[in-house]
Amino acid sequence: MNASNQTAPHAHRYQWLTPGDVNAFFGLMLDNLTGLFLVVILLSGFGFPTEFAISALVPGTALGVLVGDLAFVYFAFRLARKKNSSDVTAMPLGLDTPSVFGVCLLILGPSFRQGVDSLGLSEIDAAYRTWHIGIWCIVMSGVLKLVMAPASNWVRRVVPRAGLLGSLAAIALALISFLPLSEILARPLPGLVALAIVLTTLIARIPLPGRVPGTLGALVVAGLIYYLMCGLGADGYHFPSMSTIEWFPTRWMECWDGSWISAWPDAVPYLPIALPFAIATVVGGIDCTESAAAAGDSYHTPTVIGVEAVATLLAGLSGGVIQTTPYIGHPAYKAMGGRAGYTLGTALVIGSAGLIGYFTFLNDIIPKPAVLPILVFIGLEITAQSFSATPKRHYAAVAIACLPALAALVLNFSGQILSDQALREAGISVSDLSPVFQESFATISMLGSGFILTSLLWAWGLAASIDRNLRTAGIVFLVCGVFTLFGLMHSPLEGNRLFLPLGPEHWETIVLGPESRSKVFEFAAGYAVVGVLLLAWRRWLPAGQGDRAPLESEPEQELDTDASS
């Protein structure tokens, strides 16, 4: 063997830890840390004991992040070895943010109040009942993901990139980039400084003096400004009060005795709320894999879904109540220069924070305006990548995918207004408002319900039409109609619950009520008519125009699975 051959295997030695991992670590770790803290805060609003949440619910949830991220570190090393590449970026994994809000506000919180108010249980007994219901929901979510994992690669091959990445752009632009702005601009001095540092270093690629990572620089500079404003007594600025920390909680281990299994009858009514979140993360995981491939890292889609399924299942079996999911920020973390170190660091910090108990202290001392700008960057980077990795003729398909997400954004704020304590104390609800508002609110609610799946299918259908593939477009919209009939899309029920369109009276808990039936049936009929129209339209086209015929001269942007960004 000659000298060149002897050195070839070392020419692309995997650089799994680089300075860019510092930026990526703060982004991924702080996002997960916030999710853990939100679990405690949201449940405390229902009166759920904070100490119980920290010792029972949080550790298993954090354990799911630990297991999932460690698995993705392993697969990053394996891909780097397979490609003989030095710059593979590990898939990021963390707590599913929609599930944090959905599970806490629609399952755990209401079930706790039901236990206390309706069943007459003590707070601790109601907390145990709620915990066991949450375990069942996450365990069943993990099982559903495992069942769906083998088909995920087929979905990735069939669905055009505009559909997969369009739904990512919808989430990234409308939710991830926009929602943090309210917290950032609530403290505009440190918030704007942090935002400027993050965007200038990570998007404009202008380094800080001494090449300090942008996220770390934003945290230090904006954090100092924040605490300076606290010291000066500025309006709205207060030094944080330190929460009580329970070190090395052990209550979560009680779930291993299997006592939660008997809570199955209590958990069944909540599964129609929990399982759609699991389906959404499978679709999101497929999107994330496509997004990573577009950035140069081609992971095996069923493996990615399988990792999140196993991590979710292990979290549930260890008392966790929030599912894990691949994060859509892979291209953003790759742009930061992250490799595998940031995922390993996140696994160790989040896992130890939950299992040891110090995550509350971290969240107390880190000012939110100093760290949330990283979410704005991630959203912008994903949106830009979604367009750049999609053929230009499909840009409109990516754009239409954002519309259902905008409806979800509107619902987020209108829901906060309508659930405000002042309105509740005054006895004002949606039914007391004008009929015009009620109709608009109901329509926007249905558009925003299941918006990830709606975004994907709308973009897929339009992309197929642009390619003159009206047969595929027609089938896609017929599928939309079927999904609507069961609440996978456009569910009018609270919590985006699934349902049966018809059924016997004794199935009333899962059968759609007559008050919502006409609207759901009209939505489904609309999709059915569109599907049939497109299928018939295809037969009217002149010979040879029923297949793909781009509207402009441009090469198809093929995915180079051997190249790295």
Protein backbone atom coordinates (compact mmCIF):
# COMPACT_ATOMS: atom_id res chain seq x y z
CA MET A 1 0.00 0.00 0.00
CA ASN A 2 1.49 3.36 -1.00
CA ALA A 3 1.75 6.40 1.24
CA SER A 4 -1.21 8.19 -0.21
CA ASN A 5 -3.43 5.19 0.41
CA GLN A 6 -2.16 4.92 3.96
CA THR A 7 -3.19 8.50 4.74
CA ALA A 8 -6.48 8.43 2.83
CA PRO A 9 -8.60 7.17 5.71
CA HIS A 10 -7.39 10.11 7.84
CA ALA A 11 -7.98 12.76 5.19
CA HIS A 12 -11.55 13.28 6.39
CA ARG A 13 -11.36 12.40 10.05
CA TYR A 14 -14.64 13.33 11.68
CA GLN A 15 -14.33 16.62 13.55
CA TRP A 16 -17.21 15.91 15.92
CA LEU A 17 -16.45 18.89 18.20
CA THR A 18 -15.79 22.34 16.73
CA PRO A 19 -16.23 25.95 17.91
CA GLY A 20 -19.54 25.97 16.04
CA ASP A 21 -20.86 23.37 18.48
CA VAL A 22 -20.90 26.07 21.16
CA ASN A 23 -23.41 28.13 19.19
CA ALA A 24 -25.49 25.08 18.37
CA PHE A 25 -25.34 23.76 21.94
CA PHE A 26 -26.78 26.93 23.45
CA GLY A 27 -29.56 26.96 20.87
CA LEU A 28 -30.63 23.33 21.34
CA MET A 29 -29.97 23.10 25.07
CA LEU A 30 -31.80 26.29 25.99
CA ASP A 31 -34.76 25.32 23.83
CA ASN A 32 -35.09 22.02 25.70
CA LEU A 33 -34.48 23.67 29.06
CA THR A 34 -37.34 26.07 28.39
CA GLY A 35 -39.58 23.14 27.51
CA LEU A 36 -38.87 21.43 30.83
CA PHE A 37 -39.55 24.62 32.72
CA LEU A 38 -42.82 25.17 30.82
CA VAL A 39 -44.10 21.78 31.96
CA VAL A 40 -43.86 22.91 35.57
CA ILE A 41 -45.18 26.44 34.95
CA LEU A 42 -48.20 25.40 32.87
CA LEU A 43 -49.26 22.71 35.31
CA SER A 44 -48.88 25.04 38.28
CA GLY A 45 -51.63 27.15 36.70
CA PHE A 46 -54.03 24.25 37.36
CA GLY A 47 -52.82 23.94 40.94
CA PHE A 48 -50.67 20.89 40.18
CA PRO A 49 -48.01 20.52 42.91
CA THR A 50 -44.71 21.90 41.62
CA GLU A 51 -42.64 19.59 43.81
CA PHE A 52 -44.48 16.57 42.40
CA ALA A 53 -43.91 17.74 38.81
CA ILE A 54 -40.18 18.18 39.42
CA SER A 55 -39.73 14.82 41.13
CA ALA A 56 -42.12 12.67 39.04
CA LEU A 57 -42.82 14.14 35.59
CA VAL A 58 -39.64 15.98 34.65
CA PRO A 59 -36.91 13.33 35.16
CA GLY A 60 -38.39 10.75 32.77
CA THR A 61 -39.11 13.49 30.24
CA ALA A 62 -35.47 14.60 30.40
CA LEU A 63 -34.34 10.99 30.14
CA GLY A 64 -36.07 10.74 26.75
CA VAL A 65 -34.00 13.68 25.50
CA LEU A 66 -30.82 12.10 26.89
CA VAL A 67 -31.43 8.75 25.14
CA GLY A 68 -32.57 10.28 21.83
CA ASP A 69 -29.70 12.73 21.51
CA LEU A 70 -27.11 10.11 22.42
CA ALA A 71 -28.55 7.87 19.69
CA PHE A 72 -28.28 10.68 17.14
CA VAL A 73 -24.66 11.28 18.18
CA TYR A 74 -23.95 7.62 17.38
CA PHE A 75 -25.65 7.85 13.97
CA ALA A 76 -23.70 11.02 13.16
CA PHE A 77 -20.44 9.15 13.75
CA ARG A 78 -21.69 6.26 11.63
CA LEU A 79 -22.70 8.57 8.75
CA ALA A 80 -19.36 10.39 8.92
CA ARG A 81 -17.55 7.08 8.68
CA LYS A 82 -19.74 5.93 5.80
CA LYS A 83 -19.24 9.17 3.83
CA ASN A 84 -15.61 9.58 4.92
CA SER A 85 -16.66 13.11 5.84
CA SER A 86 -15.36 15.49 8.48
CA ASP A 87 -18.38 17.78 8.82
CA VAL A 88 -21.48 15.65 9.39
CA THR A 89 -23.99 17.38 11.68
CA ALA A 90 -25.96 15.23 14.12
CA MET A 91 -29.74 15.38 14.00
CA PRO A 92 -31.03 17.53 16.86
CA LEU A 93 -33.69 16.05 19.14
CA GLY A 94 -35.65 17.51 21.99
CA LEU A 95 -39.03 18.02 23.60
CA ASP A 96 -41.87 18.55 21.15
CA THR A 97 -42.97 22.13 21.85
CA PRO A 98 -46.59 21.75 20.60
CA SER A 99 -46.89 18.71 22.88
CA VAL A 100 -45.64 20.70 25.86
CA PHE A 101 -48.56 23.08 25.48
CA GLY A 102 -51.10 20.55 24.22
CA VAL A 103 -50.45 17.80 26.76
CA CYS A 104 -50.18 20.20 29.71
CA LEU A 105 -53.18 22.35 28.84
CA LEU A 106 -55.51 19.74 27.35
CA ILE A 107 -54.63 16.49 29.15
CA LEU A 108 -52.63 16.83 32.35
CA GLY A 109 -54.14 20.07 33.67
CA PRO A 110 -57.81 19.16 33.01
CA SER A 111 -57.35 15.60 34.32
CA PHE A 112 -55.86 16.98 37.54
CA ARG A 113 -58.78 19.36 38.02
CA GLN A 114 -61.18 16.53 37.27
CA GLY A 115 -59.57 14.45 39.98
CA VAL A 116 -59.79 17.22 42.55
CA ASP A 117 -63.09 18.87 41.61
CA SER A 118 -65.21 15.98 40.28
CA LEU A 119 -63.77 12.87 41.91
CA GLY A 120 -62.98 14.44 45.28
CA LEU A 121 -59.37 13.25 45.34
CA SER A 122 -56.69 14.91 47.42
CA GLU A 123 -54.13 16.93 45.48
CA ILE A 124 -51.47 14.24 45.80
CA ASP A 125 -53.86 11.45 44.72
CA ALA A 126 -55.07 13.56 41.79
CA ALA A 127 -51.45 14.25 40.86
CA TYR A 128 -50.68 10.51 40.79
CA ARG A 129 -53.79 9.85 38.67
CA THR A 130 -52.79 12.63 36.27
CA TRP A 131 -49.22 11.33 36.09
CA HIS A 132 -50.42 7.84 35.22
CA ILE A 133 -52.69 9.21 32.48
CA GLY A 134 -49.75 11.15 31.06
CA ILE A 135 -47.57 8.03 31.09
CA TRP A 136 -50.18 6.10 29.11
CA CYS A 137 -50.48 8.90 26.55
CA ILE A 138 -46.72 9.03 25.95
CA VAL A 139 -46.31 5.24 25.90
CA MET A 140 -49.06 4.91 23.28
CA SER A 141 -47.50 7.77 21.31
CA GLY A 142 -44.20 5.88 21.27
CA VAL A 143 -45.91 2.68 20.13
CA LEU A 144 -47.71 4.54 17.31
CA LYS A 145 -44.42 6.05 16.14
CA LEU A 146 -42.78 2.61 16.07
CA VAL A 147 -45.62 1.29 13.91
CA MET A 148 -45.32 4.22 11.50
CA ALA A 149 -41.50 4.26 11.25
CA PRO A 150 -41.07 1.58 8.53
CA ALA A 151 -43.28 3.52 6.09
CA SER A 152 -41.51 6.84 6.58
CA ASN A 153 -38.90 6.34 3.85
CA TRP A 154 -41.66 5.61 1.35
CA VAL A 155 -43.37 8.87 2.32
CA ARG A 156 -40.14 10.77 1.78
CA ARG A 157 -39.75 9.30 -1.73
CA VAL A 158 -43.34 9.97 -2.76
CA VAL A 159 -44.00 13.44 -1.33
CA PRO A 160 -42.27 16.28 -3.24
CA ARG A 161 -39.78 18.45 -1.43
CA ALA A 162 -42.19 21.40 -1.58
CA GLY A 163 -44.60 19.42 0.59
CA LEU A 164 -42.04 18.21 3.10
CA LEU A 165 -40.09 21.45 3.38
CA GLY A 166 -43.14 23.68 2.94
CA SER A 167 -44.61 22.46 6.21
CA LEU A 168 -41.22 23.13 7.83
CA ALA A 169 -41.20 26.67 6.49
CA ALA A 170 -44.70 27.13 7.88
CA ILE A 171 -43.64 26.13 11.39
CA ALA A 172 -40.34 27.99 11.21
CA LEU A 173 -41.62 31.34 9.95
CA ALA A 174 -45.05 31.61 11.55
CA LEU A 175 -44.29 30.05 14.92
CA ILE A 176 -40.61 29.57 15.77
CA SER A 177 -39.44 32.96 14.45
CA PHE A 178 -42.49 35.00 15.39
CA LEU A 179 -43.64 33.81 18.81
CA PRO A 180 -40.38 34.57 20.66
CA LEU A 181 -40.54 38.21 19.52
CA SER A 182 -43.15 39.05 22.16
CA GLU A 183 -40.74 38.01 24.91
CA ILE A 184 -37.68 39.52 23.18
CA LEU A 185 -39.28 42.92 22.62
CA ALA A 186 -40.95 42.99 26.02
CA ARG A 187 -37.42 43.93 27.21
CA PRO A 188 -36.29 45.73 24.05
CA LEU A 189 -32.85 46.92 25.19
CA PRO A 190 -31.29 43.52 25.94
CA GLY A 191 -33.64 41.80 23.49
CA LEU A 192 -32.68 43.86 20.45
CA VAL A 193 -28.99 43.70 21.32
CA ALA A 194 -29.13 39.91 21.60
CA LEU A 195 -31.13 39.63 18.37
CA ALA A 196 -28.63 41.83 16.52
CA ILE A 197 -25.65 39.82 17.76
CA VAL A 198 -27.25 36.49 16.83
CA LEU A 199 -28.37 37.55 13.35
CA THR A 200 -25.14 39.39 12.52
CA THR A 201 -22.90 36.51 13.57
CA LEU A 202 -24.99 33.59 12.36
CA ILE A 203 -26.71 34.93 9.24
CA ALA A 204 -24.39 37.71 8.08
CA ARG A 205 -21.42 35.53 9.19
CA ILE A 206 -19.56 38.48 10.72
CA PRO A 207 -17.58 37.16 13.70
CA LEU A 208 -17.41 38.81 17.09
CA PRO A 209 -14.01 40.03 18.29
CA GLY A 210 -11.92 37.05 19.30
CA ARG A 211 -14.31 34.85 17.30
CA VAL A 212 -16.53 34.42 20.35
CA PRO A 213 -19.56 32.27 19.34
CA GLY A 214 -22.58 34.44 18.57
CA THR A 215 -25.00 32.71 20.92
CA LEU A 216 -22.53 32.92 23.80
CA GLY A 217 -21.79 36.56 23.01
CA ALA A 218 -25.51 37.39 22.92
CA LEU A 219 -26.06 35.61 26.22
CA VAL A 220 -23.20 37.42 27.95
CA VAL A 221 -23.76 40.93 26.55
CA ALA A 222 -27.56 40.93 26.72
CA GLY A 223 -27.46 39.19 30.10
CA LEU A 224 -25.21 41.89 31.52
CA ILE A 225 -27.51 44.58 30.13
CA TYR A 226 -30.53 42.84 31.61
CA TYR A 227 -29.03 42.62 35.09
CA LEU A 228 -27.74 46.20 34.83
CA MET A 229 -31.31 47.33 34.14
CA CYS A 230 -32.43 45.31 37.16
CA GLY A 231 -29.80 47.05 39.29
CA LEU A 232 -30.93 50.47 38.05
CA GLY A 233 -34.51 49.66 38.97
CA ALA A 234 -35.85 50.11 35.43
CA ASP A 235 -39.55 49.45 34.96
CA GLY A 236 -40.28 45.80 34.20
CA TYR A 237 -36.84 44.54 35.25
CA HIS A 238 -36.49 42.46 38.41
CA PHE A 239 -33.77 40.24 39.77
CA PRO A 240 -34.98 36.63 39.59
CA SER A 241 -36.26 34.92 42.69
CA MET A 242 -34.57 31.58 43.19
CA SER A 243 -36.96 28.63 43.12
CA THR A 244 -36.60 25.76 45.55
CA ILE A 245 -34.65 22.89 43.99
CA GLU A 246 -35.16 19.25 44.88
CA TRP A 247 -31.85 17.54 44.25
CA PHE A 248 -31.78 13.98 42.92
CA PRO A 249 -35.55 13.41 42.85
CA THR A 250 -36.58 9.77 43.21
CA ARG A 251 -40.36 9.74 42.91
CA TRP A 252 -40.15 9.16 39.13
CA MET A 253 -38.76 5.67 39.77
CA GLU A 254 -42.10 4.64 41.30
CA CYS A 255 -43.48 4.23 37.78
CA TRP A 256 -41.35 1.12 37.37
CA ASP A 257 -43.66 -0.82 39.68
CA GLY A 258 -46.32 -0.74 36.93
CA SER A 259 -48.99 0.95 39.05
CA TRP A 260 -49.81 3.26 36.16
CA ILE A 261 -51.13 0.33 34.08
CA SER A 262 -54.41 0.32 36.02
CA ALA A 263 -55.08 3.90 34.86
CA TRP A 264 -55.88 2.72 31.31
CA PRO A 265 -59.66 3.42 31.58
CA ASP A 266 -58.89 6.96 32.76
CA ALA A 267 -56.39 7.52 29.94
CA VAL A 268 -58.53 6.30 27.02
CA PRO A 269 -60.60 9.51 26.67
CA TYR A 270 -57.38 11.53 26.33
CA LEU A 271 -55.72 9.38 23.63
CA PRO A 272 -57.56 11.17 20.77
CA ILE A 273 -55.83 14.33 21.98
CA ALA A 274 -52.38 12.80 22.46
CA LEU A 275 -52.06 10.64 19.35
CA PRO A 276 -52.42 13.45 16.78
CA PHE A 277 -49.36 15.07 18.35
CA ALA A 278 -47.49 11.80 17.79
CA ILE A 279 -48.60 11.67 14.15
CA ALA A 280 -47.50 15.28 13.72
CA THR A 281 -44.01 14.49 15.01
CA VAL A 282 -43.70 11.58 12.56
CA VAL A 283 -44.54 13.94 9.70
CA GLY A 284 -42.17 16.46 11.23
CA GLY A 285 -39.44 13.83 11.55
CA ILE A 286 -39.77 13.01 7.86
CA ASP A 287 -39.55 16.74 7.12
CA CYS A 288 -36.48 17.04 9.31
CA THR A 289 -34.76 14.15 7.53
CA GLU A 290 -35.46 15.75 4.16
CA SER A 291 -34.20 19.07 5.48
CA ALA A 292 -30.99 17.44 6.74
CA ALA A 293 -30.49 15.71 3.39
CA ALA A 294 -30.90 19.02 1.60
CA ALA A 295 -28.14 20.38 3.84
CA GLY A 296 -25.86 17.46 2.93
CA ASP A 297 -26.48 14.86 5.67
CA SER A 298 -28.59 11.96 4.41
CA TYR A 299 -29.93 9.96 7.33
CA HIS A 300 -32.14 6.88 6.99
CA THR A 301 -35.67 8.15 7.56
CA PRO A 302 -37.10 5.05 9.33
CA THR A 303 -34.10 5.12 11.65
CA VAL A 304 -34.72 8.77 12.55
CA ILE A 305 -38.39 8.06 13.27
CA GLY A 306 -37.41 4.90 15.13
CA VAL A 307 -35.03 6.83 17.39
CA GLU A 308 -37.69 9.36 18.35
CA ALA A 309 -40.17 6.50 18.88
CA VAL A 310 -37.85 4.59 21.21
CA ALA A 311 -36.86 7.77 23.06
CA THR A 312 -40.53 8.67 23.53
CA LEU A 313 -41.38 5.13 24.67
CA LEU A 314 -38.50 5.02 27.17
CA ALA A 315 -39.48 8.45 28.47
CA GLY A 316 -43.03 7.26 29.07
CA LEU A 317 -41.93 4.04 30.75
CA SER A 318 -39.75 6.18 33.04
CA GLY A 319 -42.56 8.53 34.01
CA GLY A 320 -42.10 11.15 31.29
CA VAL A 321 -45.15 13.02 30.01
CA ILE A 322 -43.81 14.89 26.94
CA GLN A 323 -42.73 13.15 23.74
CA THR A 324 -39.41 13.73 22.02
CA THR A 325 -39.01 14.64 18.36
CA PRO A 326 -36.26 15.56 15.89
CA TYR A 327 -35.95 19.33 15.74
CA ILE A 328 -36.30 21.08 12.43
CA GLY A 329 -33.15 23.14 13.03
CA HIS A 330 -30.58 20.78 11.47
CA PRO A 331 -29.62 23.17 8.61
CA ALA A 332 -29.41 26.04 11.08
CA TYR A 333 -27.18 24.09 13.45
CA LYS A 334 -25.06 23.01 10.48
CA ALA A 335 -24.78 26.65 9.40
CA MET A 336 -23.56 27.47 12.90
CA GLY A 337 -20.79 24.89 12.45
CA GLY A 338 -22.30 22.30 14.77
CA ARG A 339 -21.26 18.67 14.35
CA ALA A 340 -22.00 16.09 17.07
CA GLY A 341 -20.65 17.91 20.13
CA TYR A 342 -23.71 20.15 20.48
CA THR A 343 -26.08 17.18 20.56
CA LEU A 344 -23.89 15.31 23.04
CA GLY A 345 -23.69 18.40 25.26
CA THR A 346 -27.46 18.86 25.14
CA ALA A 347 -28.03 15.21 26.03
CA LEU A 348 -25.77 15.44 29.07
CA VAL A 349 -27.02 18.82 30.33
CA ILE A 350 -30.75 18.19 29.86
CA GLY A 351 -30.51 14.63 31.13
CA SER A 352 -28.58 15.63 34.23
CA ALA A 353 -30.73 18.75 34.75
CA GLY A 354 -33.86 16.62 34.95
CA LEU A 355 -32.39 13.69 36.84
CA ILE A 356 -30.33 15.79 39.26
CA GLY A 357 -32.88 18.63 39.44
CA TYR A 358 -30.89 21.80 38.70
CA PHE A 359 -32.77 22.86 35.54
CA THR A 360 -34.96 25.23 37.57
CA PHE A 361 -31.88 27.13 38.76
CA LEU A 362 -30.59 27.54 35.19
CA ASN A 363 -33.90 28.82 33.94
CA ASP A 364 -34.14 31.27 36.85
CA ILE A 365 -30.82 32.96 36.21
CA ILE A 366 -30.82 33.09 32.37
CA PRO A 367 -32.79 36.10 31.06
CA LYS A 368 -35.17 35.04 28.30
CA PRO A 369 -34.52 38.07 26.04
CA ALA A 370 -30.86 37.03 25.92
CA VAL A 371 -31.49 33.49 24.64
CA LEU A 372 -34.73 33.53 22.63
CA PRO A 373 -33.19 35.29 19.59
CA ILE A 374 -31.58 31.96 18.70
CA LEU A 375 -35.10 30.69 17.90
CA VAL A 376 -35.60 33.60 15.50
CA PHE A 377 -32.38 32.66 13.70
CA ILE A 378 -33.36 29.00 13.50
CA GLY A 379 -36.74 29.89 12.03
CA LEU A 380 -35.25 32.23 9.43
CA GLU A 381 -32.56 29.73 8.45
CA ILE A 382 -35.07 26.91 7.99
CA THR A 383 -37.39 29.11 5.95
CA ALA A 384 -34.57 30.21 3.65
CA GLN A 385 -33.33 26.65 3.27
CA SER A 386 -36.84 25.40 2.49
CA PHE A 387 -37.01 27.71 -0.51
CA SER A 388 -33.42 27.26 -1.70
CA ALA A 389 -33.68 23.45 -1.64
CA THR A 390 -36.95 23.46 -3.60
CA PRO A 391 -37.25 23.88 -7.39
CA LYS A 392 -38.13 27.49 -8.19
CA ARG A 393 -41.34 26.55 -9.96
CA HIS A 394 -42.58 25.10 -6.60
CA TYR A 395 -42.02 28.29 -4.57
CA ALA A 396 -45.77 29.00 -4.55
CA ALA A 397 -46.36 25.53 -3.08
CA VAL A 398 -43.94 26.29 -0.24
CA ALA A 399 -45.70 29.61 0.33
CA ILE A 400 -49.19 28.12 0.47
CA ALA A 401 -47.96 25.73 3.15
CA CYS A 402 -47.49 28.73 5.45
CA LEU A 403 -51.17 29.72 5.42
CA PRO A 404 -52.50 27.03 7.81
CA ALA A 405 -49.64 27.88 10.18
CA LEU A 406 -50.73 31.53 10.14
CA ALA A 407 -54.17 30.33 11.25
CA ALA A 408 -52.53 28.46 14.12
CA LEU A 409 -50.67 31.65 15.02
CA VAL A 410 -53.92 33.64 15.09
CA LEU A 411 -55.50 30.98 17.28
CA ASN A 412 -52.60 31.17 19.70
CA PHE A 413 -53.25 34.82 20.45
CA SER A 414 -57.03 34.78 20.22
CA GLY A 415 -57.07 31.79 22.57
CA GLN A 416 -55.03 33.74 25.11
CA ILE A 417 -57.47 36.64 24.89
CA LEU A 418 -60.60 34.52 25.15
CA SER A 419 -59.23 32.54 28.09
CA ASP A 420 -58.16 35.65 30.01
CA GLN A 421 -59.29 35.62 33.63
CA ALA A 422 -61.11 38.94 33.29
CA LEU A 423 -63.34 37.51 30.54
CA ARG A 424 -63.92 34.32 32.49
CA GLU A 425 -64.91 36.26 35.61
CA ALA A 426 -67.29 38.34 33.51
CA GLY A 427 -68.81 35.16 32.11
CA ILE A 428 -67.90 36.07 28.53
CA SER A 429 -67.18 33.26 26.06
CA VAL A 430 -67.08 32.87 22.29
CA SER A 431 -70.82 32.16 22.23
CA ASP A 432 -71.46 35.65 23.66
CA LEU A 433 -69.66 37.41 20.81
CA SER A 434 -71.12 38.51 17.48
CA PRO A 435 -72.22 35.79 15.01
CA VAL A 436 -69.77 37.16 12.45
CA PHE A 437 -66.86 36.71 14.85
CA GLN A 438 -68.06 33.26 15.90
CA GLU A 439 -68.16 32.09 12.29
CA SER A 440 -64.73 33.52 11.50
CA PHE A 441 -63.26 32.07 14.69
CA ALA A 442 -64.70 28.62 13.94
CA THR A 443 -63.30 28.67 10.40
CA ILE A 444 -59.83 29.81 11.50
CA SER A 445 -59.89 27.19 14.27
CA MET A 446 -60.56 24.43 11.77
CA LEU A 447 -57.88 25.73 9.39
CA GLY A 448 -55.31 25.81 12.18
CA SER A 449 -56.25 22.38 13.55
CA GLY A 450 -53.73 19.80 12.33
CA PHE A 451 -51.97 22.51 10.36
CA ILE A 452 -48.76 20.52 9.84
CA LEU A 453 -50.59 17.84 7.86
CA THR A 454 -52.70 20.46 6.06
CA SER A 455 -49.56 22.38 5.06
CA LEU A 456 -47.90 19.25 3.72
CA LEU A 457 -50.89 18.11 1.66
CA TRP A 458 -51.74 21.56 0.26
CA ALA A 459 -48.14 22.05 -0.86
CA TRP A 460 -48.00 18.54 -2.31
CA GLY A 461 -51.22 19.04 -4.26
CA LEU A 462 -50.15 22.40 -5.68
CA ALA A 463 -46.66 21.12 -6.57
CA ALA A 464 -48.22 18.17 -8.40
CA SER A 465 -50.52 20.53 -10.32
CA ILE A 466 -47.57 22.75 -11.27
CA ASP A 467 -45.89 19.64 -12.69
CA ARG A 468 -49.08 18.87 -14.67
CA ASN A 469 -49.53 15.72 -12.61
CA LEU A 470 -53.25 16.24 -12.01
CA ARG A 471 -53.78 12.58 -11.14
CA THR A 472 -51.53 12.88 -8.08
CA ALA A 473 -53.01 16.27 -7.20
CA GLY A 474 -56.53 14.86 -7.35
CA ILE A 475 -55.63 11.90 -5.15
CA VAL A 476 -53.95 14.21 -2.61
CA PHE A 477 -57.10 16.31 -2.22
CA LEU A 478 -59.28 13.22 -1.97
CA VAL A 479 -57.02 12.11 0.89
CA CYS A 480 -57.54 15.55 2.47
CA GLY A 481 -61.27 14.87 2.43
CA VAL A 482 -60.86 11.48 4.13
CA PHE A 483 -58.53 12.90 6.77
CA THR A 484 -61.01 15.71 7.47
CA LEU A 485 -63.78 13.19 8.18
CA PHE A 486 -61.77 11.80 11.10
CA GLY A 487 -60.26 15.01 12.48
CA LEU A 488 -56.68 14.48 11.32
CA MET A 489 -57.21 17.83 9.61
CA HIS A 490 -59.67 20.61 10.44
CA SER A 491 -60.95 19.09 13.67
CA PRO A 492 -63.54 21.45 15.22
CA LEU A 493 -63.13 19.83 18.64
CA GLU A 494 -61.14 21.24 21.52
CA GLY A 495 -57.58 19.97 21.52
CA ASN A 496 -57.75 19.00 17.82
CA ARG A 497 -59.24 15.68 18.91
CA LEU A 498 -59.81 12.84 16.45
CA PHE A 499 -63.34 11.51 16.01
CA LEU A 500 -65.62 9.21 14.05
CA PRO A 501 -68.00 11.07 11.71
CA LEU A 502 -70.89 8.72 12.54
CA GLY A 503 -71.61 5.97 15.05
CA PRO A 504 -74.06 4.58 17.58
CA GLU A 505 -75.18 6.73 20.49
CA HIS A 506 -73.21 4.78 23.12
CA TRP A 507 -70.02 5.82 21.28
CA GLU A 508 -70.81 9.46 21.97
CA THR A 509 -67.36 10.26 23.43
CA ILE A 510 -65.64 9.57 20.10
CA VAL A 511 -68.42 10.39 17.60
CA LEU A 512 -68.59 13.89 16.13
CA GLY A 513 -71.46 15.90 17.59
CA PRO A 514 -74.30 17.02 15.31
CA GLU A 515 -73.48 20.69 15.91
CA SER A 516 -70.12 20.26 14.14
CA ARG A 517 -71.09 17.67 11.56
CA SER A 518 -72.33 19.96 8.79
CA LYS A 519 -69.14 22.05 8.71
CA VAL A 520 -66.86 19.01 8.74
CA PHE A 521 -68.89 17.30 6.01
CA GLU A 522 -68.78 20.46 3.89
CA PHE A 523 -64.99 20.68 4.25
CA ALA A 524 -64.68 17.02 3.25
CA ALA A 525 -67.08 17.46 0.35
CA GLY A 526 -65.11 20.45 -0.87
CA TYR A 527 -61.91 18.42 -0.96
CA ALA A 528 -63.73 15.54 -2.68
CA VAL A 529 -65.10 17.81 -5.41
CA VAL A 530 -61.64 19.35 -5.95
CA GLY A 531 -60.11 15.87 -6.19
CA VAL A 532 -62.68 14.61 -8.70
CA LEU A 533 -62.41 17.84 -10.69
CA LEU A 534 -58.62 17.50 -11.03
CA LEU A 535 -58.88 13.83 -12.00
CA ALA A 536 -61.46 14.70 -14.68
CA TRP A 537 -59.46 17.74 -15.77
CA ARG A 538 -56.50 15.47 -16.50
CA ARG A 539 -58.57 13.62 -19.11
CA TRP A 540 -59.37 16.88 -20.90
CA LEU A 541 -55.72 17.80 -21.38
CA PRO A 542 -54.30 17.37 -24.89
CA ALA A 543 -52.27 14.21 -25.43
CA GLY A 544 -48.81 14.40 -23.88
CA GLN A 545 -49.66 17.19 -21.41
CA GLY A 546 -50.79 15.02 -18.54
CA ASP A 547 -47.28 14.46 -17.25
CA ARG A 548 -44.69 16.77 -15.76
CA ALA A 549 -44.12 19.83 -17.94
CA PRO A 550 -42.35 22.64 -16.07
CA LEU A 551 -43.77 26.09 -16.65
CA GLU A 552 -40.32 27.56 -17.00
CA SER A 553 -36.93 26.43 -18.13
CA GLU A 554 -34.99 25.37 -15.07
CA PRO A 555 -33.05 22.29 -14.04
CA GLU A 556 -34.45 20.09 -11.33
CA GLN A 557 -32.51 20.69 -8.10
CA GLU A 558 -31.44 17.16 -7.31
CA LEU A 559 -30.24 16.22 -3.87
CA ASP A 560 -26.54 15.39 -3.71
CA THR A 561 -26.45 12.89 -0.90
CA ASP A 562 -22.66 12.71 -0.96
CA ALA A 563 -22.07 16.44 -0.56
CA SER A 564 -21.90 18.33 2.71
CA SER A 565 -22.81 21.95 3.25
